[in-house]
N, C-alpha and C. Protein backbone atom coordinates (compact mmCIF):
# COMPACT_ATOMS: atom_id res chain seq x y z
N MET A 1 0.83 -1.18 0.00
CA MET A 1 0.00 0.00 0.00
C MET A 1 0.88 1.25 0.00
N LYS A 2 0.39 2.25 -0.67
CA LYS A 2 1.11 3.52 -0.74
C LYS A 2 0.80 4.35 0.50
N LYS A 3 1.84 4.92 1.08
CA LYS A 3 1.65 5.78 2.26
C LYS A 3 0.87 7.02 1.85
N THR A 4 -0.01 7.45 2.74
CA THR A 4 -0.80 8.66 2.51
C THR A 4 -0.33 9.73 3.49
N LYS A 5 -0.77 10.97 3.25
CA LYS A 5 -0.44 12.04 4.19
C LYS A 5 -0.93 11.69 5.59
N LEU A 6 -2.13 11.13 5.66
CA LEU A 6 -2.72 10.75 6.94
C LEU A 6 -1.87 9.69 7.63
N SER A 7 -1.45 8.68 6.90
CA SER A 7 -0.67 7.60 7.51
C SER A 7 0.67 8.12 8.02
N ILE A 8 1.27 9.02 7.28
CA ILE A 8 2.56 9.60 7.68
C ILE A 8 2.39 10.46 8.94
N ILE A 9 1.32 11.25 8.99
CA ILE A 9 1.07 12.11 10.15
C ILE A 9 0.79 11.27 11.39
N VAL A 10 -0.05 10.26 11.26
CA VAL A 10 -0.39 9.43 12.42
C VAL A 10 0.85 8.72 12.96
N LYS A 11 1.65 8.17 12.08
CA LYS A 11 2.86 7.49 12.53
C LYS A 11 3.82 8.46 13.22
N ALA A 12 3.96 9.66 12.67
CA ALA A 12 4.85 10.66 13.27
C ALA A 12 4.34 11.09 14.64
N LEU A 13 3.04 11.30 14.77
CA LEU A 13 2.46 11.67 16.07
C LEU A 13 2.65 10.56 17.09
N ARG A 14 2.42 9.34 16.65
CA ARG A 14 2.57 8.19 17.55
C ARG A 14 4.00 8.13 18.09
N LYS A 15 4.97 8.28 17.20
CA LYS A 15 6.37 8.23 17.61
C LYS A 15 6.73 9.43 18.49
N GLU A 16 6.21 10.61 18.14
CA GLU A 16 6.47 11.81 18.93
C GLU A 16 6.01 11.64 20.38
N PHE A 17 4.89 10.94 20.56
CA PHE A 17 4.35 10.71 21.90
C PHE A 17 4.91 9.44 22.54
N GLY A 18 5.83 8.77 21.84
CA GLY A 18 6.49 7.59 22.39
C GLY A 18 5.57 6.39 22.56
N LEU A 19 4.63 6.24 21.64
CA LEU A 19 3.66 5.15 21.73
C LEU A 19 3.97 4.05 20.72
N SER A 20 3.77 2.82 21.11
CA SER A 20 3.80 1.72 20.15
C SER A 20 2.44 1.68 19.46
N GLN A 21 2.33 0.88 18.42
CA GLN A 21 1.04 0.75 17.77
C GLN A 21 0.01 0.17 18.73
N ALA A 22 0.43 -0.78 19.55
CA ALA A 22 -0.47 -1.39 20.54
C ALA A 22 -0.92 -0.35 21.58
N ASP A 23 0.01 0.50 22.02
CA ASP A 23 -0.34 1.56 22.96
C ASP A 23 -1.37 2.50 22.36
N LEU A 24 -1.13 2.91 21.11
CA LEU A 24 -2.04 3.82 20.44
C LEU A 24 -3.43 3.20 20.30
N ALA A 25 -3.48 1.94 19.94
CA ALA A 25 -4.76 1.26 19.80
C ALA A 25 -5.50 1.25 21.14
N ALA A 26 -4.80 0.90 22.21
CA ALA A 26 -5.43 0.81 23.52
C ALA A 26 -5.89 2.18 24.02
N LYS A 27 -5.06 3.19 23.86
CA LYS A 27 -5.40 4.53 24.37
C LYS A 27 -6.52 5.19 23.58
N SER A 28 -6.61 4.89 22.28
CA SER A 28 -7.64 5.52 21.45
C SER A 28 -8.91 4.69 21.35
N GLY A 29 -8.86 3.44 21.77
CA GLY A 29 -10.06 2.59 21.74
C GLY A 29 -10.35 1.95 20.40
N VAL A 30 -9.34 1.86 19.54
CA VAL A 30 -9.51 1.16 18.26
C VAL A 30 -8.65 -0.09 18.29
N GLY A 31 -8.83 -0.97 17.32
CA GLY A 31 -8.07 -2.20 17.28
C GLY A 31 -6.66 -2.00 16.74
N LEU A 32 -5.77 -2.89 17.13
CA LEU A 32 -4.39 -2.85 16.66
C LEU A 32 -4.34 -3.00 15.14
N CYS A 33 -5.16 -3.86 14.59
CA CYS A 33 -5.21 -4.05 13.13
C CYS A 33 -5.58 -2.74 12.43
N PHE A 34 -6.50 -1.98 13.02
CA PHE A 34 -6.90 -0.70 12.44
C PHE A 34 -5.71 0.26 12.41
N VAL A 35 -4.96 0.34 13.51
CA VAL A 35 -3.79 1.22 13.57
C VAL A 35 -2.78 0.81 12.49
N ARG A 36 -2.54 -0.47 12.37
CA ARG A 36 -1.58 -0.95 11.36
C ARG A 36 -2.05 -0.60 9.96
N ASN A 37 -3.33 -0.83 9.67
CA ASN A 37 -3.87 -0.51 8.35
C ASN A 37 -3.77 0.98 8.06
N LEU A 38 -4.07 1.79 9.05
CA LEU A 38 -4.00 3.25 8.89
C LEU A 38 -2.57 3.69 8.58
N GLU A 39 -1.62 3.19 9.34
CA GLU A 39 -0.23 3.59 9.13
C GLU A 39 0.35 3.05 7.82
N GLN A 40 -0.23 1.99 7.30
CA GLN A 40 0.24 1.43 6.03
C GLN A 40 -0.42 2.11 4.84
N GLY A 41 -1.42 2.96 5.10
CA GLY A 41 -2.06 3.69 4.02
C GLY A 41 -3.24 3.00 3.38
N LYS A 42 -3.92 2.12 4.12
CA LYS A 42 -5.10 1.45 3.56
C LYS A 42 -6.08 2.50 3.06
N PRO A 43 -6.55 2.37 1.82
CA PRO A 43 -7.39 3.42 1.23
C PRO A 43 -8.82 3.48 1.76
N THR A 44 -9.30 2.42 2.40
CA THR A 44 -10.67 2.44 2.91
C THR A 44 -10.66 2.20 4.42
N LEU A 45 -10.98 3.24 5.15
CA LEU A 45 -11.05 3.18 6.61
C LEU A 45 -12.29 3.93 7.07
N ARG A 46 -12.82 3.53 8.20
CA ARG A 46 -13.99 4.21 8.75
C ARG A 46 -13.56 5.56 9.32
N MET A 47 -14.21 6.61 8.85
CA MET A 47 -13.86 7.97 9.30
C MET A 47 -14.09 8.16 10.79
N ASP A 48 -15.13 7.55 11.33
CA ASP A 48 -15.39 7.71 12.76
C ASP A 48 -14.25 7.13 13.59
N LYS A 49 -13.70 6.01 13.14
CA LYS A 49 -12.57 5.41 13.87
C LYS A 49 -11.29 6.22 13.68
N VAL A 50 -11.10 6.77 12.49
CA VAL A 50 -9.94 7.64 12.26
C VAL A 50 -10.01 8.83 13.20
N ASN A 51 -11.18 9.46 13.30
CA ASN A 51 -11.33 10.61 14.19
C ASN A 51 -11.22 10.21 15.66
N GLN A 52 -11.67 9.03 16.00
CA GLN A 52 -11.53 8.53 17.37
C GLN A 52 -10.05 8.44 17.74
N LEU A 53 -9.24 7.94 16.83
CA LEU A 53 -7.81 7.83 17.05
C LEU A 53 -7.16 9.21 17.07
N LEU A 54 -7.51 10.07 16.12
CA LEU A 54 -6.91 11.40 16.03
C LEU A 54 -7.24 12.27 17.24
N GLU A 55 -8.39 12.01 17.86
CA GLU A 55 -8.81 12.80 19.02
C GLU A 55 -7.77 12.73 20.14
N LEU A 56 -7.07 11.63 20.24
CA LEU A 56 -6.02 11.46 21.24
C LEU A 56 -4.95 12.53 21.10
N PHE A 57 -4.70 12.98 19.86
CA PHE A 57 -3.69 13.99 19.58
C PHE A 57 -4.28 15.38 19.35
N ASN A 58 -5.60 15.53 19.62
CA ASN A 58 -6.32 16.78 19.41
C ASN A 58 -6.36 17.19 17.93
N TYR A 59 -6.55 16.20 17.06
CA TYR A 59 -6.72 16.40 15.62
C TYR A 59 -8.06 15.83 15.21
N GLU A 60 -8.52 16.21 14.01
CA GLU A 60 -9.71 15.60 13.43
C GLU A 60 -9.56 15.59 11.92
N LEU A 61 -10.22 14.64 11.31
CA LEU A 61 -10.23 14.51 9.86
C LEU A 61 -11.41 15.32 9.33
N THR A 62 -11.15 16.21 8.38
CA THR A 62 -12.23 17.02 7.81
C THR A 62 -12.12 17.02 6.29
N ALA A 63 -13.21 17.36 5.66
CA ALA A 63 -13.25 17.46 4.20
C ALA A 63 -12.75 18.84 3.79
N THR A 64 -11.93 18.86 2.76
CA THR A 64 -11.48 20.13 2.20
C THR A 64 -11.66 20.10 0.68
N LYS A 65 -11.87 21.25 0.12
CA LYS A 65 -12.05 21.34 -1.32
C LYS A 65 -10.70 21.17 -2.02
N LYS A 66 -10.73 20.39 -3.10
CA LYS A 66 -9.51 20.21 -3.89
C LYS A 66 -9.17 21.49 -4.61
N SER A 67 -7.88 21.72 -4.78
CA SER A 67 -7.47 22.95 -5.49
C SER A 67 -7.34 22.71 -6.97
C-alpha cells in the first residue's frame, strides 16, 4: 500500500508521543489491526474510527475542497 499524508502524520504523532502501535490502539479505543492498516495507508477506513484515534492527539479529519 502507498503511504498517505494521513498515515505519515499518524505514525509521526505516535512516535512523537512515544507510543507503540499497541499503545495507540489501547489509548484511542480502536483495534491494533486498524492502527496498522492506517499507518500502512489502507485506502478504505472508517472515518469515525480515524477521528476517534486522532482525538487522542487533538486532531480531526475534515473534508477540504480540492485545489
